[in-house]
Protein backbone atom coordinates (compact mmCIF):
# COMPACT_ATOMS: atom_id res chain seq x y z
CA MET A 1 21.06 -110.96 201.98
CA PHE A 2 20.83 -109.71 198.57
CA ALA A 3 23.97 -107.68 196.96
CA ALA A 4 23.13 -105.90 193.48
CA ARG A 5 25.96 -106.35 191.39
CA ALA A 6 25.09 -104.11 188.82
CA ALA A 7 23.07 -100.65 188.62
CA VAL A 8 21.36 -99.42 185.66
CA PHE A 9 21.24 -95.91 184.07
CA ASP A 10 18.59 -95.17 181.96
CA LEU A 11 19.06 -91.15 180.28
CA ASP A 12 17.72 -92.24 176.89
CA CYS A 13 14.07 -91.67 177.61
CA THR A 14 13.19 -94.85 178.05
CA LEU A 15 12.52 -94.06 182.61
CA VAL A 16 13.08 -90.52 182.40
CA ASP A 17 13.28 -87.85 179.46
CA THR A 18 15.52 -85.26 180.32
CA LEU A 19 16.68 -84.22 177.24
CA ASP A 20 14.25 -80.86 177.34
CA ARG A 21 17.24 -80.38 181.31
CA PHE A 22 20.08 -81.14 179.05
CA PHE A 23 18.65 -78.46 176.23
CA GLU A 24 18.37 -75.70 179.32
CA VAL A 25 21.79 -76.84 180.99
CA PHE A 26 22.71 -76.57 177.27
CA ASN A 27 21.80 -72.68 176.76
CA GLU A 28 22.90 -71.79 179.96
CA LEU A 29 25.85 -72.90 179.32
CA LEU A 30 26.21 -71.21 176.06
CA LYS A 31 25.04 -67.99 178.29
CA ASN A 32 27.80 -68.74 180.91
CA TYR A 33 30.38 -68.44 177.98
CA GLY A 34 29.05 -65.19 176.34
CA LYS A 35 27.49 -67.11 173.08
CA PRO A 36 23.63 -66.51 171.52
CA SER A 37 21.51 -69.65 172.82
CA ILE A 38 20.68 -72.05 170.28
CA THR A 39 16.74 -72.91 169.47
CA TRP A 40 15.38 -76.77 170.35
CA GLU A 41 15.57 -77.32 166.56
CA LYS A 42 18.57 -76.50 165.75
CA PHE A 43 19.68 -78.42 169.26
CA TYR A 44 17.53 -81.66 168.53
CA GLU A 45 19.44 -82.18 165.33
């Protein structure tokens, strides 16, 4: 039987591109706190 000794999580666009979702969630949080949303360019800086 194989026992896993480690797990690798990759969220930096090598396996999974999640930056778009992070941008959406960040703007949702800003909205929840009554702040204006930001542009993609500002987020990506």
